[in-house]
Amino acid sequence: MQNSSDQIAPLYKKIKDHILARIASGEWQPSARVPSENELVKIFDVSRMTTNRALRELTAEGYLQRIAGVGTFVAELKAQSHPLEIHNIAEEIRARGHKYSAIVLKTEEVNAQKDIAQSLNITVGQGVFRSVIVHKEQNIPIQMEDRYVNKAVAPNYGDQDFTVITPYDYLMEIAPLQKAEHVVTAIMPSDEIRRELQMTADEPCLLIKRRTWTNGQVAASAKLYHPGSRYELAGRFRP
């Protein structure tokens, strides 16, 4: 039985919710063809004007792409971040009205090798935490985060559930950001990264190398990998 809110919801919104639910579940992947206006008219027993509004709004919101004479398709996700700002990726995704989720591939304590020790300004062999997480938007992976954390700054980092709280949120709570360093490069990713980010064989990867400081010491050093086709950096500056 439908509840009262379902019954009074505008018909075009029911169609939108129907399409969005299938995109969010992964049933309709990027580039998948969605039912035509005529098909939706028959499915929902509504007017063509109603289905047109639903498809038009979803296209304007970035969920669908309409190609004249061909059809309507699920749009390729194109996440965007400011190149010189640090934000919680979960909040960025939710601000776009999209669903955020994460898969934790690894959380462990390791002894810092030379390159990690130099990055964190600590001695070689010192214990550090490492986490590897895939962040998803609408169930589509948009970032693989490989992060090393100074154990002296965040001694309980390894105990956190990063499907519930992001590393950003946790570190900002216990080690407020003092300054940050960004280096952005384009690379061809490893097979592991390509697999986790569901990238094609010839697709390049955008890599952001980031270090953050708190109380005069390096708190974390991270490599953030993004599929080139699904991520872009954009910002506006005022001199």
C-alpha atoms as a PDB file:
ATOM      1  CA  MET A   1       0.000   0.000   0.000  1.00  0.00           C
ATOM      2  CA  GLN A   2       1.321   3.452  -0.883  1.00  0.00           C
ATOM      3  CA  ASN A   3       1.584   6.036   1.879  1.00  0.00           C
ATOM      4  CA  SER A   4      -0.049   9.445   1.555  1.00  0.00           C
ATOM      5  CA  SER A   5       3.183  11.172   0.537  1.00  0.00           C
ATOM      6  CA  ASP A   6       3.612   8.686  -2.348  1.00  0.00           C
ATOM      7  CA  GLN A   7       0.052   9.299  -3.477  1.00  0.00           C
ATOM      8  CA  ILE A   8       0.328  13.086  -3.568  1.00  0.00           C
ATOM      9  CA  ALA A   9       3.818  13.240  -5.116  1.00  0.00           C
ATOM     10  CA  PRO A  10       3.763  14.860  -8.585  1.00  0.00           C
ATOM     11  CA  LEU A  11       3.702  12.272 -11.350  1.00  0.00           C
ATOM     12  CA  TYR A  12       6.864  13.628 -12.982  1.00  0.00           C
ATOM     13  CA  LYS A  13       8.709  13.231  -9.643  1.00  0.00           C
ATOM     14  CA  LYS A  14       7.674   9.566  -9.421  1.00  0.00           C
ATOM     15  CA  ILE A  15       9.266   9.025 -12.822  1.00  0.00           C
ATOM     16  CA  LYS A  16      12.413  10.857 -11.715  1.00  0.00           C
ATOM     17  CA  ASP A  17      12.624   8.780  -8.527  1.00  0.00           C
ATOM     18  CA  HIS A  18      12.151   5.594 -10.564  1.00  0.00           C
ATOM     19  CA  ILE A  19      15.075   6.480 -12.845  1.00  0.00           C
ATOM     20  CA  LEU A  20      17.316   7.739 -10.027  1.00  0.00           C
ATOM     21  CA  ALA A  21      16.742   4.562  -8.004  1.00  0.00           C
ATOM     22  CA  ARG A  22      17.957   2.408 -10.864  1.00  0.00           C
ATOM     23  CA  ILE A  23      21.015   4.584 -11.426  1.00  0.00           C
ATOM     24  CA  ALA A  24      21.861   4.552  -7.706  1.00  0.00           C
ATOM     25  CA  SER A  25      21.467   0.756  -7.473  1.00  0.00           C
ATOM     26  CA  GLY A  26      23.848   0.250 -10.388  1.00  0.00           C
ATOM     27  CA  GLU A  27      21.135  -1.415 -12.485  1.00  0.00           C
ATOM     28  CA  TRP A  28      21.523   1.358 -15.068  1.00  0.00           C
ATOM     29  CA  GLN A  29      25.220   2.072 -15.610  1.00  0.00           C
ATOM     30  CA  PRO A  30      26.703   5.136 -17.380  1.00  0.00           C
ATOM     31  CA  SER A  31      25.870   5.117 -21.115  1.00  0.00           C
ATOM     32  CA  ALA A  32      22.944   2.724 -20.569  1.00  0.00           C
ATOM     33  CA  ARG A  33      19.845   3.630 -22.569  1.00  0.00           C
ATOM     34  CA  VAL A  34      16.808   4.570 -20.472  1.00  0.00           C
ATOM     35  CA  PRO A  35      13.174   4.088 -21.563  1.00  0.00           C
ATOM     36  CA  SER A  36      11.914   6.574 -24.129  1.00  0.00           C
ATOM     37  CA  GLU A  37       9.178   9.100 -23.440  1.00  0.00           C
ATOM     38  CA  ASN A  38       6.652   6.827 -25.158  1.00  0.00           C
ATOM     39  CA  GLU A  39       7.760   3.844 -23.080  1.00  0.00           C
ATOM     40  CA  LEU A  40       7.499   5.847 -19.852  1.00  0.00           C
ATOM     41  CA  VAL A  41       4.029   7.048 -20.859  1.00  0.00           C
ATOM     42  CA  LYS A  42       2.907   3.401 -21.054  1.00  0.00           C
ATOM     43  CA  ILE A  43       4.737   2.306 -17.869  1.00  0.00           C
ATOM     44  CA  PHE A  44       3.349   5.080 -15.665  1.00  0.00           C
ATOM     45  CA  ASP A  45       0.101   5.786 -17.553  1.00  0.00           C
ATOM     46  CA  VAL A  46       0.842   9.502 -17.705  1.00  0.00           C
ATOM     47  CA  SER A  47       0.968  12.188 -20.372  1.00  0.00           C
ATOM     48  CA  ARG A  48       3.893  12.754 -22.692  1.00  0.00           C
ATOM     49  CA  MET A  49       4.306  16.225 -21.142  1.00  0.00           C
ATOM     50  CA  THR A  50       4.853  14.632 -17.716  1.00  0.00           C
ATOM     51  CA  THR A  51       7.530  12.219 -18.936  1.00  0.00           C
ATOM     52  CA  ASN A  52       9.199  14.991 -20.920  1.00  0.00           C
ATOM     53  CA  ARG A  53       9.473  17.127 -17.784  1.00  0.00           C
ATOM     54  CA  ALA A  54      11.018  14.277 -15.789  1.00  0.00           C
ATOM     55  CA  LEU A  55      13.620  13.539 -18.475  1.00  0.00           C
ATOM     56  CA  ARG A  56      14.308  17.231 -19.068  1.00  0.00           C
ATOM     57  CA  GLU A  57      14.961  17.903 -15.364  1.00  0.00           C
ATOM     58  CA  LEU A  58      17.185  14.840 -14.941  1.00  0.00           C
ATOM     59  CA  THR A  59      19.191  15.970 -17.972  1.00  0.00           C
ATOM     60  CA  ALA A  60      19.581  19.478 -16.526  1.00  0.00           C
ATOM     61  CA  GLU A  61      20.691  17.969 -13.194  1.00  0.00           C
ATOM     62  CA  GLY A  62      23.406  15.932 -14.925  1.00  0.00           C
ATOM     63  CA  TYR A  63      21.979  12.436 -14.500  1.00  0.00           C
ATOM     64  CA  LEU A  64      20.949  11.878 -18.109  1.00  0.00           C
ATOM     65  CA  GLN A  65      22.208  12.760 -21.571  1.00  0.00           C
ATOM     66  CA  ARG A  66      19.708  13.170 -24.407  1.00  0.00           C
ATOM     67  CA  ILE A  67      20.864  12.721 -28.003  1.00  0.00           C
ATOM     68  CA  ALA A  68      18.432  13.931 -30.639  1.00  0.00           C
ATOM     69  CA  GLY A  69      17.194  11.116 -32.861  1.00  0.00           C
ATOM     70  CA  VAL A  70      19.046   8.484 -30.839  1.00  0.00           C
ATOM     71  CA  GLY A  71      17.672   8.344 -27.302  1.00  0.00           C
ATOM     72  CA  THR A  72      18.275   9.129 -23.657  1.00  0.00           C
ATOM     73  CA  PHE A  73      21.210   7.651 -21.752  1.00  0.00           C
ATOM     74  CA  VAL A  74      22.637   7.604 -18.236  1.00  0.00           C
ATOM     75  CA  ALA A  75      25.263  10.353 -18.156  1.00  0.00           C
ATOM     76  CA  GLU A  76      28.914   9.664 -17.451  1.00  0.00           C
ATOM     77  CA  LEU A  77      29.658  10.889 -13.952  1.00  0.00           C
ATOM     78  CA  LYS A  78      32.055  13.860 -13.895  1.00  0.00           C
ATOM     79  CA  ALA A  79      33.018  14.749 -10.346  1.00  0.00           C
ATOM     80  CA  GLN A  80      34.682  18.100  -9.765  1.00  0.00           C
ATOM     81  CA  SER A  81      36.887  19.582  -7.038  1.00  0.00           C
ATOM     82  CA  HIS A  82      38.682  22.872  -6.491  1.00  0.00           C
ATOM     83  CA  PRO A  83      42.429  22.428  -7.191  1.00  0.00           C
ATOM     84  CA  LEU A  84      43.641  24.457  -4.177  1.00  0.00           C
ATOM     85  CA  GLU A  85      41.066  23.579  -1.535  1.00  0.00           C
ATOM     86  CA  ILE A  86      40.603  20.543   0.685  1.00  0.00           C
ATOM     87  CA  HIS A  87      37.102  19.270   1.295  1.00  0.00           C
ATOM     88  CA  ASN A  88      35.474  16.146   2.634  1.00  0.00           C
ATOM     89  CA  ILE A  89      34.796  14.049  -0.465  1.00  0.00           C
ATOM     90  CA  ALA A  90      31.626  12.653   1.108  1.00  0.00           C
ATOM     91  CA  GLU A  91      30.232  16.161   1.560  1.00  0.00           C
ATOM     92  CA  GLU A  92      31.232  17.170  -1.982  1.00  0.00           C
ATOM     93  CA  ILE A  93      29.259  14.244  -3.346  1.00  0.00           C
ATOM     94  CA  ARG A  94      26.228  14.859  -1.139  1.00  0.00           C
ATOM     95  CA  ALA A  95      26.264  18.544  -2.064  1.00  0.00           C
ATOM     96  CA  ARG A  96      25.693  17.445  -5.661  1.00  0.00           C
ATOM     97  CA  GLY A  97      22.622  15.548  -4.458  1.00  0.00           C
ATOM     98  CA  HIS A  98      24.331  12.210  -5.004  1.00  0.00           C
ATOM     99  CA  LYS A  99      24.847   9.120  -2.855  1.00  0.00           C
ATOM    100  CA  TYR A 100      28.254   8.615  -1.200  1.00  0.00           C
ATOM    101  CA  SER A 101      29.716   5.255  -0.213  1.00  0.00           C
ATOM    102  CA  ALA A 102      33.167   3.811   0.450  1.00  0.00           C
ATOM    103  CA  ILE A 103      34.990   0.490   0.338  1.00  0.00           C
ATOM    104  CA  VAL A 104      37.961   0.081   2.699  1.00  0.00           C
ATOM    105  CA  LEU A 105      40.577  -2.057   0.958  1.00  0.00           C
ATOM    106  CA  LYS A 106      43.184  -1.810   3.680  1.00  0.00           C
ATOM    107  CA  THR A 107      43.820  -0.348   7.129  1.00  0.00           C
ATOM    108  CA  GLU A 108      47.115  -1.370   8.715  1.00  0.00           C
ATOM    109  CA  GLU A 109      50.126  -0.298  10.730  1.00  0.00           C
ATOM    110  CA  VAL A 110      53.431  -0.502   8.862  1.00  0.00           C
ATOM    111  CA  ASN A 111      57.040   0.577   9.312  1.00  0.00           C
ATOM    112  CA  ALA A 112      57.793   3.655   7.223  1.00  0.00           C
ATOM    113  CA  GLN A 113      60.029   3.021   4.233  1.00  0.00           C
ATOM    114  CA  LYS A 114      62.430   5.749   3.114  1.00  0.00           C
ATOM    115  CA  ASP A 115      60.021   7.581   0.781  1.00  0.00           C
ATOM    116  CA  ILE A 116      57.186   7.568   3.313  1.00  0.00           C
ATOM    117  CA  ALA A 117      59.504   8.623   6.140  1.00  0.00           C
ATOM    118  CA  GLN A 118      60.724  11.562   4.061  1.00  0.00           C
ATOM    119  CA  SER A 119      57.166  12.537   3.146  1.00  0.00           C
ATOM    120  CA  LEU A 120      56.056  12.516   6.794  1.00  0.00           C
ATOM    121  CA  ASN A 121      59.339  13.973   8.134  1.00  0.00           C
ATOM    122  CA  ILE A 122      59.902  11.007  10.447  1.00  0.00           C
ATOM    123  CA  THR A 123      62.650   8.413  10.843  1.00  0.00           C
ATOM    124  CA  VAL A 124      62.853   5.325   8.633  1.00  0.00           C
ATOM    125  CA  GLY A 125      61.208   2.324  10.294  1.00  0.00           C
ATOM    126  CA  GLN A 126      58.925   4.399  12.496  1.00  0.00           C
ATOM    127  CA  GLY A 127      55.377   3.021  12.797  1.00  0.00           C
ATOM    128  CA  VAL A 128      52.718   4.712  10.652  1.00  0.00           C
ATOM    129  CA  PHE A 129      49.152   3.940   9.654  1.00  0.00           C
ATOM    130  CA  ARG A 130      48.159   3.209   6.081  1.00  0.00           C
ATOM    131  CA  SER A 131      44.631   3.188   4.698  1.00  0.00           C
ATOM    132  CA  VAL A 132      43.488   2.442   1.154  1.00  0.00           C
ATOM    133  CA  ILE A 133      39.905   3.433   0.390  1.00  0.00           C
ATOM    134  CA  VAL A 134      37.773   3.618  -2.744  1.00  0.00           C
ATOM    135  CA  HIS A 135      35.255   6.472  -2.624  1.00  0.00           C
ATOM    136  CA  LYS A 136      32.106   6.110  -4.720  1.00  0.00           C
ATOM    137  CA  GLU A 137      29.519   8.504  -6.128  1.00  0.00           C
ATOM    138  CA  GLN A 138      26.216   6.932  -7.133  1.00  0.00           C
ATOM    139  CA  ASN A 139      27.966   3.549  -6.611  1.00  0.00           C
ATOM    140  CA  ILE A 140      30.573   4.513  -9.226  1.00  0.00           C
ATOM    141  CA  PRO A 141      34.212   4.750  -8.023  1.00  0.00           C
ATOM    142  CA  ILE A 142      35.667   8.240  -8.475  1.00  0.00           C
ATOM    143  CA  GLN A 143      38.668   8.189  -6.141  1.00  0.00           C
ATOM    144  CA  MET A 144      41.139   5.683  -4.721  1.00  0.00           C
ATOM    145  CA  GLU A 145      42.845   7.150  -1.653  1.00  0.00           C
ATOM    146  CA  ASP A 146      46.179   5.688  -0.487  1.00  0.00           C
ATOM    147  CA  ARG A 147      47.009   7.516   2.746  1.00  0.00           C
ATOM    148  CA  TYR A 148      49.855   7.310   5.287  1.00  0.00           C
ATOM    149  CA  VAL A 149      49.234   8.913   8.668  1.00  0.00           C
ATOM    150  CA  ASN A 150      51.722  10.017  11.303  1.00  0.00           C
ATOM    151  CA  LYS A 151      50.996   7.808  14.306  1.00  0.00           C
ATOM    152  CA  ALA A 152      52.143  10.530  16.701  1.00  0.00           C
ATOM    153  CA  VAL A 153      49.431  12.831  15.371  1.00  0.00           C
ATOM    154  CA  ALA A 154      46.603  10.280  15.191  1.00  0.00           C
ATOM    155  CA  PRO A 155      47.370   7.312  17.494  1.00  0.00           C
ATOM    156  CA  ASN A 156      43.868   5.817  17.097  1.00  0.00           C
ATOM    157  CA  TYR A 157      43.604   6.201  13.316  1.00  0.00           C
ATOM    158  CA  GLY A 158      43.809   2.448  12.747  1.00  0.00           C
ATOM    159  CA  ASP A 159      40.731   1.803  14.885  1.00  0.00           C
ATOM    160  CA  GLN A 160      38.335   3.901  12.802  1.00  0.00           C
ATOM    161  CA  ASP A 161      35.569   2.579  10.559  1.00  0.00           C
ATOM    162  CA  PHE A 162      36.106   4.548   7.361  1.00  0.00           C
ATOM    163  CA  THR A 163      32.818   3.406   5.854  1.00  0.00           C
ATOM    164  CA  VAL A 164      31.149   5.542   8.542  1.00  0.00           C
ATOM    165  CA  ILE A 165      33.581   8.476   8.836  1.00  0.00           C
ATOM    166  CA  THR A 166      36.027   9.673   6.182  1.00  0.00           C
ATOM    167  CA  PRO A 167      39.742  10.063   6.998  1.00  0.00           C
ATOM    168  CA  TYR A 168      39.279  13.788   6.317  1.00  0.00           C
ATOM    169  CA  ASP A 169      36.581  14.115   8.968  1.00  0.00           C
ATOM    170  CA  TYR A 170      38.508  12.127  11.537  1.00  0.00           C
ATOM    171  CA  LEU A 171      41.803  13.951  11.020  1.00  0.00           C
ATOM    172  CA  MET A 172      40.159  17.374  11.004  1.00  0.00           C
ATOM    173  CA  GLU A 173      38.587  16.530  14.355  1.00  0.00           C
ATOM    174  CA  ILE A 174      41.764  15.459  16.131  1.00  0.00           C
ATOM    175  CA  ALA A 175      44.418  17.307  14.116  1.00  0.00           C
ATOM    176  CA  PRO A 176      43.015  20.572  12.669  1.00  0.00           C
ATOM    177  CA  LEU A 177      44.541  21.539   9.330  1.00  0.00           C
ATOM    178  CA  GLN A 178      47.350  24.091   9.514  1.00  0.00           C
ATOM    179  CA  LYS A 179      48.574  24.006   5.921  1.00  0.00           C
ATOM    180  CA  ALA A 180      48.549  21.722   2.883  1.00  0.00           C
ATOM    181  CA  GLU A 181      50.608  20.905  -0.184  1.00  0.00           C
ATOM    182  CA  HIS A 182      49.192  19.674  -3.513  1.00  0.00           C
ATOM    183  CA  VAL A 183      50.990  18.225  -6.529  1.00  0.00           C
ATOM    184  CA  VAL A 184      48.818  17.226  -9.506  1.00  0.00           C
ATOM    185  CA  THR A 185      50.031  14.910 -12.269  1.00  0.00           C
ATOM    186  CA  ALA A 186      48.585  12.732 -15.015  1.00  0.00           C
ATOM    187  CA  ILE A 187      49.679   9.087 -15.045  1.00  0.00           C
ATOM    188  CA  MET A 188      48.805   5.701 -16.468  1.00  0.00           C
ATOM    189  CA  PRO A 189      47.653   3.742 -13.404  1.00  0.00           C
ATOM    190  CA  SER A 190      48.648   0.289 -12.245  1.00  0.00           C
ATOM    191  CA  ASP A 191      46.433  -2.703 -12.975  1.00  0.00           C
ATOM    192  CA  GLU A 192      45.203  -2.675  -9.356  1.00  0.00           C
ATOM    193  CA  ILE A 193      44.164   0.973  -9.469  1.00  0.00           C
ATOM    194  CA  ARG A 194      42.570   0.520 -12.884  1.00  0.00           C
ATOM    195  CA  ARG A 195      40.572  -2.437 -11.596  1.00  0.00           C
ATOM    196  CA  GLU A 196      39.384  -0.732  -8.391  1.00  0.00           C
ATOM    197  CA  LEU A 197      38.359   2.428 -10.266  1.00  0.00           C
ATOM    198  CA  GLN A 198      36.721   0.459 -13.096  1.00  0.00           C
ATOM    199  CA  MET A 199      38.804   2.217 -15.737  1.00  0.00           C
ATOM    200  CA  THR A 200      39.301   1.208 -19.346  1.00  0.00           C
ATOM    201  CA  ALA A 201      42.641  -0.181 -20.506  1.00  0.00           C
ATOM    202  CA  ASP A 202      43.852   3.041 -22.151  1.00  0.00           C
ATOM    203  CA  GLU A 203      42.349   5.580 -19.734  1.00  0.00           C
ATOM    204  CA  PRO A 204      44.728   7.999 -17.968  1.00  0.00           C
ATOM    205  CA  CYS A 205      44.508   8.761 -14.281  1.00  0.00           C
ATOM    206  CA  LEU A 206      44.627  12.087 -12.448  1.00  0.00           C
ATOM    207  CA  LEU A 207      46.872  11.820  -9.381  1.00  0.00           C
ATOM    208  CA  ILE A 208      46.850  14.357  -6.563  1.00  0.00           C
ATOM    209  CA  LYS A 209      49.698  14.027  -4.083  1.00  0.00           C
ATOM    210  CA  ARG A 210      48.723  15.766  -0.870  1.00  0.00           C
ATOM    211  CA  ARG A 211      50.463  16.457   2.427  1.00  0.00           C
ATOM    212  CA  THR A 212      48.801  18.125   5.389  1.00  0.00           C
ATOM    213  CA  TRP A 213      50.324  19.703   8.495  1.00  0.00           C
ATOM    214  CA  THR A 214      49.053  20.252  12.026  1.00  0.00           C
ATOM    215  CA  ASN A 215      50.873  21.896  14.936  1.00  0.00           C
ATOM    216  CA  GLY A 216      54.042  22.200  12.895  1.00  0.00           C
ATOM    217  CA  GLN A 217      54.322  18.542  11.894  1.00  0.00           C
ATOM    218  CA  VAL A 218      53.167  16.507   8.908  1.00  0.00           C
ATOM    219  CA  ALA A 219      49.925  14.752   9.803  1.00  0.00           C
ATOM    220  CA  ALA A 220      49.353  12.753   6.619  1.00  0.00           C
ATOM    221  CA  SER A 221      50.624  12.061   3.130  1.00  0.00           C
ATOM    222  CA  ALA A 222      48.141  10.804   0.559  1.00  0.00           C
ATOM    223  CA  LYS A 223      47.934   9.821  -3.080  1.00  0.00           C
ATOM    224  CA  LEU A 224      44.466  10.393  -4.547  1.00  0.00           C
ATOM    225  CA  TYR A 225      43.818   8.612  -7.846  1.00  0.00           C
ATOM    226  CA  HIS A 226      40.894   9.655 -10.086  1.00  0.00           C
ATOM    227  CA  PRO A 227      39.657   8.230 -13.424  1.00  0.00           C
ATOM    228  CA  GLY A 228      40.437  10.812 -16.091  1.00  0.00           C
ATOM    229  CA  SER A 229      37.008  10.427 -17.683  1.00  0.00           C
ATOM    230  CA  ARG A 230      35.111  10.957 -14.421  1.00  0.00           C
ATOM    231  CA  TYR A 231      36.963  13.697 -12.589  1.00  0.00           C
ATOM    232  CA  GLU A 232      38.131  17.247 -13.171  1.00  0.00           C
ATOM    233  CA  LEU A 233      39.705  20.073 -11.181  1.00  0.00           C
ATOM    234  CA  ALA A 234      38.094  23.471 -11.490  1.00  0.00           C
ATOM    235  CA  GLY A 235      38.376  26.659  -9.518  1.00  0.00           C
ATOM    236  CA  ARG A 236      37.786  30.368  -9.610  1.00  0.00           C
ATOM    237  CA  PHE A 237      40.426  32.822  -8.399  1.00  0.00           C
ATOM    238  CA  ARG A 238      40.323  36.502  -7.542  1.00  0.00           C
ATOM    239  CA  PRO A 239      43.672  38.384  -7.811  1.00  0.00           C
END
